[in-house]
Amino acid sequence: MLNKAFTVVLSLTVILLSACNSDQPFNRKLWKDADGLDFKYRANMVNDLLQNHNIKGLKFYQVTDTLGWPQGKKDDYIYYDIVVKYDGYPPSYVKRLYVYFKDSVAVNTKIYEHSEKKKK
């Protein structure tokens, strides 16, 4: 009886923890999908993108073909907004994927997160 109850509780715990994980496989079309400034699928796909899709070694045009045009670009990197929470300026939370290049070839990726602390 106790084993059966333990098994049921353990099973429910595993199901609940699985439901909380909202990761989904990378999908090129959904990654590019946006309504204004909100990219509603990127946060759920970024882990799969970085773990299972090799960005390093791709040329600039291959990265932009796969991920779309970036939200920002500097001399040696581009970035893609994953989550930006606007409740004033500056945004209260920013999460971005940075892709660094050398000679137009991706050499590194990095996730950047920043929370703006409100001053009282």
PDB file of N, CA and C in Angstrom:
ATOM      1  N   MET A   1       0.827  -1.189   0.000  1.00  0.00           N
ATOM      2  CA  MET A   1       0.000   0.000   0.000  1.00  0.00           C
ATOM      3  C   MET A   1       0.876   1.260   0.000  1.00  0.00           C
ATOM      4  N   LEU A   2       1.890   1.290   0.870  1.00  0.00           N
ATOM      5  CA  LEU A   2       2.784   2.433   0.948  1.00  0.00           C
ATOM      6  C   LEU A   2       3.588   2.579  -0.349  1.00  0.00           C
ATOM      7  N   ASN A   3       4.039   1.454  -0.920  1.00  0.00           N
ATOM      8  CA  ASN A   3       4.772   1.494  -2.186  1.00  0.00           C
ATOM      9  C   ASN A   3       3.913   2.054  -3.301  1.00  0.00           C
ATOM     10  N   LYS A   4       2.641   1.679  -3.323  1.00  0.00           N
ATOM     11  CA  LYS A   4       1.734   2.146  -4.368  1.00  0.00           C
ATOM     12  C   LYS A   4       1.538   3.663  -4.241  1.00  0.00           C
ATOM     13  N   ALA A   5       1.345   4.160  -3.031  1.00  0.00           N
ATOM     14  CA  ALA A   5       1.170   5.595  -2.804  1.00  0.00           C
ATOM     15  C   ALA A   5       2.437   6.353  -3.203  1.00  0.00           C
ATOM     16  N   PHE A   6       3.586   5.793  -2.828  1.00  0.00           N
ATOM     17  CA  PHE A   6       4.857   6.415  -3.186  1.00  0.00           C
ATOM     18  C   PHE A   6       5.016   6.482  -4.700  1.00  0.00           C
ATOM     19  N   THR A   7       4.665   5.418  -5.390  1.00  0.00           N
ATOM     20  CA  THR A   7       4.769   5.361  -6.845  1.00  0.00           C
ATOM     21  C   THR A   7       3.855   6.401  -7.492  1.00  0.00           C
ATOM     22  N   VAL A   8       2.659   6.549  -6.975  1.00  0.00           N
ATOM     23  CA  VAL A   8       1.717   7.522  -7.522  1.00  0.00           C
ATOM     24  C   VAL A   8       2.250   8.949  -7.321  1.00  0.00           C
ATOM     25  N   VAL A   9       2.739   9.245  -6.127  1.00  0.00           N
ATOM     26  CA  VAL A   9       3.279  10.577  -5.841  1.00  0.00           C
ATOM     27  C   VAL A   9       4.502  10.853  -6.717  1.00  0.00           C
ATOM     28  N   LEU A  10       5.382   9.885  -6.852  1.00  0.00           N
ATOM     29  CA  LEU A  10       6.568  10.050  -7.694  1.00  0.00           C
ATOM     30  C   LEU A  10       6.174  10.277  -9.144  1.00  0.00           C
ATOM     31  N   SER A  11       5.209   9.526  -9.634  1.00  0.00           N
ATOM     32  CA  SER A  11       4.744   9.676 -11.023  1.00  0.00           C
ATOM     33  C   SER A  11       4.160  11.063 -11.254  1.00  0.00           C
ATOM     34  N   LEU A  12       3.348  11.531 -10.314  1.00  0.00           N
ATOM     35  CA  LEU A  12       2.762  12.868 -10.444  1.00  0.00           C
ATOM     36  C   LEU A  12       3.829  13.953 -10.418  1.00  0.00           C
ATOM     37  N   THR A  13       4.829  13.773  -9.588  1.00  0.00           N
ATOM     38  CA  THR A  13       5.926  14.739  -9.516  1.00  0.00           C
ATOM     39  C   THR A  13       6.668  14.800 -10.846  1.00  0.00           C
ATOM     40  N   VAL A  14       6.963  13.656 -11.431  1.00  0.00           N
ATOM     41  CA  VAL A  14       7.664  13.615 -12.723  1.00  0.00           C
ATOM     42  C   VAL A  14       6.821  14.275 -13.803  1.00  0.00           C
ATOM     43  N   ILE A  15       5.529  14.019 -13.809  1.00  0.00           N
ATOM     44  CA  ILE A  15       4.639  14.625 -14.808  1.00  0.00           C
ATOM     45  C   ILE A  15       4.603  16.141 -14.647  1.00  0.00           C
ATOM     46  N   LEU A  16       4.483  16.608 -13.417  1.00  0.00           N
ATOM     47  CA  LEU A  16       4.439  18.052 -13.176  1.00  0.00           C
ATOM     48  C   LEU A  16       5.746  18.727 -13.569  1.00  0.00           C
ATOM     49  N   LEU A  17       6.868  18.106 -13.244  1.00  0.00           N
ATOM     50  CA  LEU A  17       8.161  18.687 -13.619  1.00  0.00           C
ATOM     51  C   LEU A  17       8.340  18.700 -15.129  1.00  0.00           C
ATOM     52  N   SER A  18       7.858  17.686 -15.805  1.00  0.00           N
ATOM     53  CA  SER A  18       7.945  17.641 -17.266  1.00  0.00           C
ATOM     54  C   SER A  18       7.094  18.733 -17.889  1.00  0.00           C
ATOM     55  N   ALA A  19       5.935  18.977 -17.304  1.00  0.00           N
ATOM     56  CA  ALA A  19       5.041  20.003 -17.833  1.00  0.00           C
ATOM     57  C   ALA A  19       5.628  21.399 -17.653  1.00  0.00           C
ATOM     58  N   CYS A  20       6.434  21.593 -16.628  1.00  0.00           N
ATOM     59  CA  CYS A  20       7.041  22.901 -16.372  1.00  0.00           C
ATOM     60  C   CYS A  20       8.146  23.216 -17.364  1.00  0.00           C
ATOM     61  N   ASN A  21       8.740  22.213 -17.953  1.00  0.00           N
ATOM     62  CA  ASN A  21       9.797  22.416 -18.929  1.00  0.00           C
ATOM     63  C   ASN A  21       9.158  22.775 -20.260  1.00  0.00           C
ATOM     64  N   SER A  22       9.300  24.020 -20.680  1.00  0.00           N
ATOM     65  CA  SER A  22       8.644  24.463 -21.898  1.00  0.00           C
ATOM     66  C   SER A  22       9.598  24.500 -23.089  1.00  0.00           C
ATOM     67  N   ASP A  23      10.759  23.856 -22.958  1.00  0.00           N
ATOM     68  CA  ASP A  23      11.684  23.814 -24.085  1.00  0.00           C
ATOM     69  C   ASP A  23      11.035  23.104 -25.261  1.00  0.00           C
ATOM     70  N   GLN A  24      11.356  23.594 -26.445  1.00  0.00           N
ATOM     71  CA  GLN A  24      10.865  22.952 -27.655  1.00  0.00           C
ATOM     72  C   GLN A  24      11.983  22.932 -28.680  1.00  0.00           C
ATOM     73  N   PRO A  25      11.895  22.050 -29.645  1.00  0.00           N
ATOM     74  CA  PRO A  25      12.938  21.977 -30.671  1.00  0.00           C
ATOM     75  C   PRO A  25      13.001  23.278 -31.479  1.00  0.00           C
ATOM     76  N   PHE A  26      14.203  23.608 -31.920  1.00  0.00           N
ATOM     77  CA  PHE A  26      14.389  24.796 -32.758  1.00  0.00           C
ATOM     78  C   PHE A  26      13.608  24.645 -34.050  1.00  0.00           C
ATOM     79  N   ASN A  27      12.899  25.701 -34.414  1.00  0.00           N
ATOM     80  CA  ASN A  27      12.134  25.754 -35.652  1.00  0.00           C
ATOM     81  C   ASN A  27      12.415  27.107 -36.287  1.00  0.00           C
ATOM     82  N   ARG A  28      13.007  27.082 -37.454  1.00  0.00           N
ATOM     83  CA  ARG A  28      13.424  28.293 -38.147  1.00  0.00           C
ATOM     84  C   ARG A  28      12.285  29.291 -38.342  1.00  0.00           C
ATOM     85  N   LYS A  29      11.156  28.790 -38.773  1.00  0.00           N
ATOM     86  CA  LYS A  29      10.012  29.659 -39.047  1.00  0.00           C
ATOM     87  C   LYS A  29       9.497  30.301 -37.761  1.00  0.00           C
ATOM     88  N   LEU A  30       9.364  29.509 -36.697  1.00  0.00           N
ATOM     89  CA  LEU A  30       8.877  30.051 -35.429  1.00  0.00           C
ATOM     90  C   LEU A  30       9.887  30.996 -34.792  1.00  0.00           C
ATOM     91  N   TRP A  31      11.193  30.735 -34.961  1.00  0.00           N
ATOM     92  CA  TRP A  31      12.224  31.615 -34.422  1.00  0.00           C
ATOM     93  C   TRP A  31      12.068  33.022 -35.003  1.00  0.00           C
ATOM     94  N   LYS A  32      11.754  33.093 -36.286  1.00  0.00           N
ATOM     95  CA  LYS A  32      11.633  34.381 -36.966  1.00  0.00           C
ATOM     96  C   LYS A  32      10.287  35.055 -36.706  1.00  0.00           C
ATOM     97  N   ASP A  33       9.314  34.303 -36.180  1.00  0.00           N
ATOM     98  CA  ASP A  33       7.971  34.823 -35.955  1.00  0.00           C
ATOM     99  C   ASP A  33       7.979  35.875 -34.853  1.00  0.00           C
ATOM    100  N   ALA A  34       7.423  37.039 -35.160  1.00  0.00           N
ATOM    101  CA  ALA A  34       7.369  38.117 -34.171  1.00  0.00           C
ATOM    102  C   ALA A  34       6.138  38.970 -34.423  1.00  0.00           C
ATOM    103  N   ASP A  35       5.615  39.531 -33.353  1.00  0.00           N
ATOM    104  CA  ASP A  35       4.554  40.530 -33.498  1.00  0.00           C
ATOM    105  C   ASP A  35       5.064  41.822 -32.866  1.00  0.00           C
ATOM    106  N   GLY A  36       5.645  42.643 -33.678  1.00  0.00           N
ATOM    107  CA  GLY A  36       6.253  43.869 -33.171  1.00  0.00           C
ATOM    108  C   GLY A  36       7.608  43.573 -32.570  1.00  0.00           C
ATOM    109  N   LEU A  37       7.708  43.677 -31.251  1.00  0.00           N
ATOM    110  CA  LEU A  37       8.980  43.448 -30.566  1.00  0.00           C
ATOM    111  C   LEU A  37       9.001  42.150 -29.779  1.00  0.00           C
ATOM    112  N   ASP A  38       7.944  41.376 -29.836  1.00  0.00           N
ATOM    113  CA  ASP A  38       7.832  40.160 -29.031  1.00  0.00           C
ATOM    114  C   ASP A  38       8.122  38.920 -29.875  1.00  0.00           C
ATOM    115  N   PHE A  39       9.109  38.146 -29.445  1.00  0.00           N
ATOM    116  CA  PHE A  39       9.440  36.878 -30.091  1.00  0.00           C
ATOM    117  C   PHE A  39       8.977  35.771 -29.155  1.00  0.00           C
ATOM    118  N   LYS A  40       7.739  35.339 -29.299  1.00  0.00           N
ATOM    119  CA  LYS A  40       7.131  34.469 -28.290  1.00  0.00           C
ATOM    120  C   LYS A  40       7.670  33.052 -28.258  1.00  0.00           C
ATOM    121  N   TYR A  41       8.388  32.591 -29.271  1.00  0.00           N
ATOM    122  CA  TYR A  41       8.872  31.210 -29.291  1.00  0.00           C
ATOM    123  C   TYR A  41      10.364  31.080 -28.954  1.00  0.00           C
ATOM    124  N   ARG A  42      11.108  32.157 -29.057  1.00  0.00           N
ATOM    125  CA  ARG A  42      12.562  32.070 -28.938  1.00  0.00           C
ATOM    126  C   ARG A  42      13.043  31.556 -27.580  1.00  0.00           C
ATOM    127  N   ALA A  43      12.423  31.984 -26.514  1.00  0.00           N
ATOM    128  CA  ALA A  43      12.870  31.565 -25.175  1.00  0.00           C
ATOM    129  C   ALA A  43      12.781  30.056 -25.017  1.00  0.00           C
ATOM    130  N   ASN A  44      11.786  29.446 -25.633  1.00  0.00           N
ATOM    131  CA  ASN A  44      11.610  27.999 -25.524  1.00  0.00           C
ATOM    132  C   ASN A  44      12.524  27.223 -26.470  1.00  0.00           C
ATOM    133  N   MET A  45      13.069  27.885 -27.485  1.00  0.00           N
ATOM    134  CA  MET A  45      13.891  27.199 -28.479  1.00  0.00           C
ATOM    135  C   MET A  45      15.386  27.413 -28.322  1.00  0.00           C
ATOM    136  N   VAL A  46      15.788  28.422 -27.563  1.00  0.00           N
ATOM    137  CA  VAL A  46      17.200  28.800 -27.556  1.00  0.00           C
ATOM    138  C   VAL A  46      18.100  27.683 -27.022  1.00  0.00           C
ATOM    139  N   ASN A  47      17.652  26.924 -26.031  1.00  0.00           N
ATOM    140  CA  ASN A  47      18.488  25.829 -25.506  1.00  0.00           C
ATOM    141  C   ASN A  47      18.730  24.765 -26.567  1.00  0.00           C
ATOM    142  N   ASP A  48      17.682  24.377 -27.273  1.00  0.00           N
ATOM    143  CA  ASP A  48      17.839  23.373 -28.332  1.00  0.00           C
ATOM    144  C   ASP A  48      18.728  23.917 -29.452  1.00  0.00           C
ATOM    145  N   LEU A  49      18.549  25.178 -29.795  1.00  0.00           N
ATOM    146  CA  LEU A  49      19.380  25.794 -30.834  1.00  0.00           C
ATOM    147  C   LEU A  49      20.858  25.697 -30.481  1.00  0.00           C
ATOM    148  N   LEU A  50      21.208  26.057 -29.255  1.00  0.00           N
ATOM    149  CA  LEU A  50      22.613  26.068 -28.854  1.00  0.00           C
ATOM    150  C   LEU A  50      23.178  24.672 -28.627  1.00  0.00           C
ATOM    151  N   GLN A  51      22.356  23.734 -28.172  1.00  0.00           N
ATOM    152  CA  GLN A  51      22.846  22.389 -27.875  1.00  0.00           C
ATOM    153  C   GLN A  51      22.888  21.473 -29.094  1.00  0.00           C
ATOM    154  N   ASN A  52      21.946  21.647 -30.016  1.00  0.00           N
ATOM    155  CA  ASN A  52      21.802  20.666 -31.097  1.00  0.00           C
ATOM    156  C   ASN A  52      22.032  21.206 -32.504  1.00  0.00           C
ATOM    157  N   HIS A  53      22.261  22.489 -32.633  1.00  0.00           N
ATOM    158  CA  HIS A  53      22.488  23.090 -33.950  1.00  0.00           C
ATOM    159  C   HIS A  53      23.784  23.876 -33.871  1.00  0.00           C
ATOM    160  N   ASN A  54      24.750  23.466 -34.641  1.00  0.00           N
ATOM    161  CA  ASN A  54      26.081  24.054 -34.565  1.00  0.00           C
ATOM    162  C   ASN A  54      26.122  25.385 -35.312  1.00  0.00           C
ATOM    163  N   ILE A  55      26.162  26.479 -34.559  1.00  0.00           N
ATOM    164  CA  ILE A  55      26.264  27.809 -35.156  1.00  0.00           C
ATOM    165  C   ILE A  55      27.721  28.148 -35.453  1.00  0.00           C
ATOM    166  N   LYS A  56      28.609  27.697 -34.560  1.00  0.00           N
ATOM    167  CA  LYS A  56      30.036  27.965 -34.768  1.00  0.00           C
ATOM    168  C   LYS A  56      30.481  27.345 -36.077  1.00  0.00           C
ATOM    169  N   GLY A  57      31.231  28.109 -36.845  1.00  0.00           N
ATOM    170  CA  GLY A  57      31.720  27.633 -38.131  1.00  0.00           C
ATOM    171  C   GLY A  57      30.853  28.065 -39.298  1.00  0.00           C
ATOM    172  N   LEU A  58      29.642  28.559 -39.008  1.00  0.00           N
ATOM    173  CA  LEU A  58      28.781  29.041 -40.089  1.00  0.00           C
ATOM    174  C   LEU A  58      29.219  30.430 -40.530  1.00  0.00           C
ATOM    175  N   LYS A  59      29.052  30.712 -41.797  1.00  0.00           N
ATOM    176  CA  LYS A  59      29.334  32.048 -42.313  1.00  0.00           C
ATOM    177  C   LYS A  59      28.168  32.973 -41.955  1.00  0.00           C
ATOM    178  N   PHE A  60      28.438  34.263 -42.003  1.00  0.00           N
ATOM    179  CA  PHE A  60      27.434  35.256 -41.623  1.00  0.00           C
ATOM    180  C   PHE A  60      26.113  35.023 -42.350  1.00  0.00           C
ATOM    181  N   TYR A  61      26.170  34.839 -43.667  1.00  0.00           N
ATOM    182  CA  TYR A  61      24.938  34.673 -44.432  1.00  0.00           C
ATOM    183  C   TYR A  61      24.196  33.385 -44.043  1.00  0.00           C
ATOM    184  N   GLN A  62      24.921  32.350 -43.608  1.00  0.00           N
ATOM    185  CA  GLN A  62      24.261  31.118 -43.171  1.00  0.00           C
ATOM    186  C   GLN A  62      23.535  31.326 -41.839  1.00  0.00           C
ATOM    187  N   VAL A  63      24.155  32.091 -40.949  1.00  0.00           N
ATOM    188  CA  VAL A  63      23.511  32.392 -39.660  1.00  0.00           C
ATOM    189  C   VAL A  63      22.246  33.205 -39.895  1.00  0.00           C
ATOM    190  N   THR A  64      22.329  34.250 -40.722  1.00  0.00           N
ATOM    191  CA  THR A  64      21.154  35.083 -40.956  1.00  0.00           C
ATOM    192  C   THR A  64      20.096  34.353 -41.783  1.00  0.00           C
ATOM    193  N   ASP A  65      20.498  33.406 -42.593  1.00  0.00           N
ATOM    194  CA  ASP A  65      19.515  32.597 -43.316  1.00  0.00           C
ATOM    195  C   ASP A  65      18.742  31.710 -42.339  1.00  0.00           C
ATOM    196  N   THR A  66      19.436  31.176 -41.343  1.00  0.00           N
ATOM    197  CA  THR A  66      18.815  30.295 -40.360  1.00  0.00           C
ATOM    198  C   THR A  66      18.008  31.074 -39.318  1.00  0.00           C
ATOM    199  N   LEU A  67      18.586  32.158 -38.791  1.00  0.00           N
ATOM    200  CA  LEU A  67      17.971  32.876 -37.665  1.00  0.00           C
ATOM    201  C   LEU A  67      17.261  34.171 -38.064  1.00  0.00           C
ATOM    202  N   GLY A  68      17.380  34.580 -39.320  1.00  0.00           N
ATOM    203  CA  GLY A  68      16.787  35.840 -39.742  1.00  0.00           C
ATOM    204  C   GLY A  68      17.733  36.992 -39.470  1.00  0.00           C
ATOM    205  N   TRP A  69      17.285  38.198 -39.835  1.00  0.00           N
ATOM    206  CA  TRP A  69      18.118  39.369 -39.626  1.00  0.00           C
ATOM    207  C   TRP A  69      18.144  39.701 -38.144  1.00  0.00           C
ATOM    208  N   PRO A  70      19.326  40.000 -37.602  1.00  0.00           N
ATOM    209  CA  PRO A  70      19.447  40.248 -36.160  1.00  0.00           C
ATOM    210  C   PRO A  70      18.824  41.578 -35.740  1.00  0.00           C
ATOM    211  N   GLN A  71      18.572  41.710 -34.440  1.00  0.00           N
ATOM    212  CA  GLN A  71      18.054  42.963 -33.905  1.00  0.00           C
ATOM    213  C   GLN A  71      19.163  44.002 -33.742  1.00  0.00           C
ATOM    214  N   GLY A  72      20.408  43.555 -33.706  1.00  0.00           N
ATOM    215  CA  GLY A  72      21.531  44.474 -33.592  1.00  0.00           C
ATOM    216  C   GLY A  72      22.782  43.890 -34.215  1.00  0.00           C
ATOM    217  N   LYS A  73      23.679  44.780 -34.646  1.00  0.00           N
ATOM    218  CA  LYS A  73      24.908  44.340 -35.314  1.00  0.00           C
ATOM    219  C   LYS A  73      26.023  45.331 -35.010  1.00  0.00           C
ATOM    220  N   LYS A  74      27.175  44.802 -34.652  1.00  0.00           N
ATOM    221  CA  LYS A  74      28.402  45.599 -34.483  1.00  0.00           C
ATOM    222  C   LYS A  74      29.458  45.002 -35.394  1.00  0.00           C
ATOM    223  N   ASP A  75      30.694  45.460 -35.268  1.00  0.00           N
ATOM    224  CA  ASP A  75      31.752  45.000 -36.154  1.00  0.00           C
ATOM    225  C   ASP A  75      31.984  43.498 -36.080  1.00  0.00           C
ATOM    226  N   ASP A  76      32.023  42.939 -34.856  1.00  0.00           N
ATOM    227  CA  ASP A  76      32.386  41.524 -34.725  1.00  0.00           C
ATOM    228  C   ASP A  76      31.286  40.659 -34.104  1.00  0.00           C
ATOM    229  N   TYR A  77      30.074  41.185 -33.958  1.00  0.00           N
ATOM    230  CA  TYR A  77      28.983  40.364 -33.436  1.00  0.00           C
ATOM    231  C   TYR A  77      27.621  40.874 -33.900  1.00  0.00           C
ATOM    232  N   ILE A  78      26.657  39.969 -33.800  1.00  0.00           N
ATOM    233  CA  ILE A  78      25.256  40.301 -34.010  1.00  0.00           C
ATOM    234  C   ILE A  78      24.497  39.762 -32.803  1.00  0.00           C
ATOM    235  N   TYR A  79      23.293  40.270 -32.578  1.00  0.00           N
ATOM    236  CA  TYR A  79      22.500  39.715 -31.486  1.00  0.00           C
ATOM    237  C   TYR A  79      21.034  39.599 -31.869  1.00  0.00           C
ATOM    238  N   TYR A  80      20.403  38.617 -31.230  1.00  0.00           N
ATOM    239  CA  TYR A  80      18.984  38.336 -31.408  1.00  0.00           C
ATOM    240  C   TYR A  80      18.291  38.480 -30.069  1.00  0.00           C
ATOM    241  N   ASP A  81      17.251  39.299 -30.028  1.00  0.00           N
ATOM    242  CA  ASP A  81      16.461  39.407 -28.809  1.00  0.00           C
ATOM    243  C   ASP A  81      15.705  38.103 -28.588  1.00  0.00           C
ATOM    244  N   ILE A  82      15.757  37.627 -27.365  1.00  0.00           N
ATOM    245  CA  ILE A  82      14.999  36.437 -26.983  1.00  0.00           C
ATOM    246  C   ILE A  82      13.793  36.875 -26.155  1.00  0.00           C
ATOM    247  N   VAL A  83      14.051  37.664 -25.117  1.00  0.00           N
ATOM    248  CA  VAL A  83      12.987  38.232 -24.286  1.00  0.00           C
ATOM    249  C   VAL A  83      13.383  39.657 -23.944  1.00  0.00           C
ATOM    250  N   VAL A  84      12.461  40.583 -24.150  1.00  0.00           N
ATOM    251  CA  VAL A  84      12.644  41.965 -23.709  1.00  0.00           C
ATOM    252  C   VAL A  84      11.347  42.393 -23.043  1.00  0.00           C
ATOM    253  N   LYS A  85      11.433  42.774 -21.774  1.00  0.00           N
ATOM    254  CA  LYS A  85      10.245  43.215 -21.027  1.00  0.00           C
ATOM    255  C   LYS A  85      10.285  44.726 -20.897  1.00  0.00           C
ATOM    256  N   TYR A  86       9.335  45.352 -21.579  1.00  0.00           N
ATOM    257  CA  TYR A  86       9.219  46.799 -21.524  1.00  0.00           C
ATOM    258  C   TYR A  86       8.113  47.176 -20.542  1.00  0.00           C
ATOM    259  N   ASP A  87       8.501  47.796 -19.455  1.00  0.00           N
ATOM    260  CA  ASP A  87       7.524  48.402 -18.555  1.00  0.00           C
ATOM    261  C   ASP A  87       8.069  49.774 -18.190  1.00  0.00           C
ATOM    262  N   GLY A  88       8.533  50.449 -19.204  1.00  0.00           N
ATOM    263  CA  GLY A  88       9.194  51.735 -19.080  1.00  0.00           C
ATOM    264  C   GLY A  88      10.507  51.672 -19.831  1.00  0.00           C
ATOM    265  N   TYR A  89      11.286  52.729 -19.715  1.00  0.00           N
ATOM    266  CA  TYR A  89      12.588  52.725 -20.365  1.00  0.00           C
ATOM    267  C   TYR A  89      13.654  52.990 -19.321  1.00  0.00           C
ATOM    268  N   PRO A  90      14.727  52.282 -19.293  1.00  0.00           N
ATOM    269  CA  PRO A  90      15.068  51.150 -20.159  1.00  0.00           C
ATOM    270  C   PRO A  90      14.240  49.920 -19.820  1.00  0.00           C
ATOM    271  N   PRO A  91      14.280  48.902 -20.677  1.00  0.00           N
ATOM    272  CA  PRO A  91      13.525  47.677 -20.384  1.00  0.00           C
ATOM    273  C   PRO A  91      13.941  47.096 -19.038  1.00  0.00           C
ATOM    274  N   SER A  92      12.990  46.483 -18.350  1.00  0.00           N
ATOM    275  CA  SER A  92      13.292  45.916 -17.032  1.00  0.00           C
ATOM    276  C   SER A  92      14.045  44.592 -17.140  1.00  0.00           C
ATOM    277  N   TYR A  93      13.955  43.914 -18.282  1.00  0.00           N
ATOM    278  CA  TYR A  93      14.639  42.631 -18.450  1.00  0.00           C
ATOM    279  C   TYR A  93      14.977  42.437 -19.921  1.00  0.00           C
ATOM    280  N   VAL A  94      16.202  41.990 -20.173  1.00  0.00           N
ATOM    281  CA  VAL A  94      16.651  41.704 -21.540  1.00  0.00           C
ATOM    282  C   VAL A  94      17.406  40.383 -21.532  1.00  0.00           C
ATOM    283  N   LYS A  95      17.057  39.527 -22.474  1.00  0.00           N
ATOM    284  CA  LYS A  95      17.799  38.286 -22.710  1.00  0.00           C
ATOM    285  C   LYS A  95      18.071  38.227 -24.209  1.00  0.00           C
ATOM    286  N   ARG A  96      19.362  38.076 -24.559  1.00  0.00           N
ATOM    287  CA  ARG A  96      19.763  38.083 -25.963  1.00  0.00           C
ATOM    288  C   ARG A  96      20.738  36.955 -26.263  1.00  0.00           C
ATOM    289  N   LEU A  97      20.725  36.547 -27.515  1.00  0.00           N
ATOM    290  CA  LEU A  97      21.713  35.608 -28.033  1.00  0.00           C
ATOM    291  C   LEU A  97      22.699  36.406 -28.867  1.00  0.00           C
ATOM    292  N   TYR A  98      23.967  36.370 -28.470  1.00  0.00           N
ATOM    293  CA  TYR A  98      25.034  37.023 -29.223  1.00  0.00           C
ATOM    294  C   TYR A  98      25.777  35.971 -30.034  1.00  0.00           C
ATOM    295  N   VAL A  99      26.085  36.311 -31.285  1.00  0.00           N
ATOM    296  CA  VAL A  99      26.902  35.464 -32.151  1.00  0.00           C
ATOM    297  C   VAL A  99      28.100  36.301 -32.574  1.00  0.00           C
ATOM    298  N   TYR A 100      29.297  35.816 -32.213  1.00  0.00           N
ATOM    299  CA  TYR A 100      30.538  36.532 -32.505  1.00  0.00           C
ATOM    300  C   TYR A 100      31.190  35.967 -33.757  1.00  0.00           C
ATOM    301  N   PHE A 101      31.794  36.856 -34.558  1.00  0.00           N
ATOM    302  CA  PHE A 101      32.389  36.474 -35.838  1.00  0.00           C
ATOM    303  C   PHE A 101      33.847  36.886 -35.913  1.00  0.00           C
ATOM    304  N   LYS A 102      34.592  36.108 -36.678  1.00  0.00           N
ATOM    305  CA  LYS A 102      35.953  36.469 -37.067  1.00  0.00           C
ATOM    306  C   LYS A 102      36.074  36.114 -38.539  1.00  0.00           C
ATOM    307  N   ASP A 103      36.420  37.083 -39.350  1.00  0.00           N
ATOM    308  CA  ASP A 103      36.506  36.890 -40.801  1.00  0.00           C
ATOM    309  C   ASP A 103      35.199  36.327 -41.356  1.00  0.00           C
ATOM    310  N   SER A 104      34.079  36.863 -40.897  1.00  0.00           N
ATOM    311  CA  SER A 104      32.730  36.490 -41.344  1.00  0.00           C
ATOM    312  C   SER A 104      32.333  35.049 -41.021  1.00  0.00           C
ATOM    313  N   VAL A 105      33.025  34.413 -40.068  1.00  0.00           N
ATOM    314  CA  VAL A 105      32.693  33.052 -39.642  1.00  0.00           C
ATOM    315  C   VAL A 105      32.360  33.099 -38.153  1.00  0.00           C
ATOM    316  N   ALA A 106      31.241  32.484 -37.765  1.00  0.00           N
ATOM    317  CA  ALA A 106      30.824  32.467 -36.361  1.00  0.00           C
ATOM    318  C   ALA A 106      31.832  31.674 -35.541  1.00  0.00           C
ATOM    319  N   VAL A 107      32.343  32.299 -34.475  1.00  0.00           N
ATOM    320  CA  VAL A 107      33.353  31.651 -33.639  1.00  0.00           C
ATOM    321  C   VAL A 107      32.864  31.403 -32.212  1.00  0.00           C
ATOM    322  N   ASN A 108      31.782  32.080 -31.809  1.00  0.00           N
ATOM    323  CA  ASN A 108      31.303  31.902 -30.443  1.00  0.00           C
ATOM    324  C   ASN A 108      29.867  32.397 -30.324  1.00  0.00           C
ATOM    325  N   THR A 109      29.156  31.845 -29.340  1.00  0.00           N
ATOM    326  CA  THR A 109      27.816  32.315 -29.010  1.00  0.00           C
ATOM    327  C   THR A 109      27.763  32.563 -27.512  1.00  0.00           C
ATOM    328  N   LYS A 110      26.887  33.464 -27.111  1.00  0.00           N
ATOM    329  CA  LYS A 110      26.759  33.785 -25.696  1.00  0.00           C
ATOM    330  C   LYS A 110      25.340  34.267 -25.422  1.00  0.00           C
ATOM    331  N   ILE A 111      24.792  33.851 -24.293  1.00  0.00           N
ATOM    332  CA  ILE A 111      23.505  34.359 -23.836  1.00  0.00           C
ATOM    333  C   ILE A 111      23.782  35.496 -22.851  1.00  0.00           C
ATOM    334  N   TYR A 112      23.145  36.617 -23.075  1.00  0.00           N
ATOM    335  CA  TYR A 112      23.273  37.786 -22.211  1.00  0.00           C
ATOM    336  C   TYR A 112      21.927  38.031 -21.539  1.00  0.00           C
ATOM    337  N   GLU A 113      21.940  38.226 -20.228  1.00  0.00           N
ATOM    338  CA  GLU A 113      20.732  38.566 -19.491  1.00  0.00           C
ATOM    339  C   GLU A 113      21.013  39.766 -18.603  1.00  0.00           C
ATOM    340  N   HIS A 114      20.042  40.667 -18.560  1.00  0.00           N
ATOM    341  CA  HIS A 114      20.193  41.856 -17.731  1.00  0.00           C
ATOM    342  C   HIS A 114      18.848  42.265 -17.173  1.00  0.00           C
ATOM    343  N   SER A 115      18.799  42.528 -15.866  1.00  0.00           N
ATOM    344  CA  SER A 115      17.609  43.049 -15.216  1.00  0.00           C
ATOM    345  C   SER A 115      17.911  44.453 -14.739  1.00  0.00           C
ATOM    346  N   GLU A 116      17.060  45.379 -15.090  1.00  0.00           N
ATOM    347  CA  GLU A 116      17.201  46.761 -14.646  1.00  0.00           C
ATOM    348  C   GLU A 116      16.529  46.901 -13.287  1.00  0.00           C
ATOM    349  N   LYS A 117      17.294  47.241 -12.301  1.00  0.00           N
ATOM    350  CA  LYS A 117      16.740  47.420 -10.968  1.00  0.00           C
ATOM    351  C   LYS A 117      16.156  48.823 -10.860  1.00  0.00           C
ATOM    352  N   LYS A 118      14.918  48.886 -10.453  1.00  0.00           N
ATOM    353  CA  LYS A 118      14.239  50.172 -10.304  1.00  0.00           C
ATOM    354  C   LYS A 118      14.760  50.909  -9.075  1.00  0.00           C
ATOM    355  N   LYS A 119      15.059  52.196  -9.235  1.00  0.00           N
ATOM    356  CA  LYS A 119      15.532  53.014  -8.115  1.00  0.00           C
ATOM    357  C   LYS A 119      14.318  53.611  -7.421  1.00  0.00           C
ATOM    358  N   LYS A 120      14.377  53.610  -6.076  1.00  0.00           N
ATOM    359  CA  LYS A 120      13.258  54.174  -5.304  1.00  0.00           C
ATOM    360  C   LYS A 120      13.561  55.579  -4.890  1.00  0.00           C
TER     361      LYS A 120
END
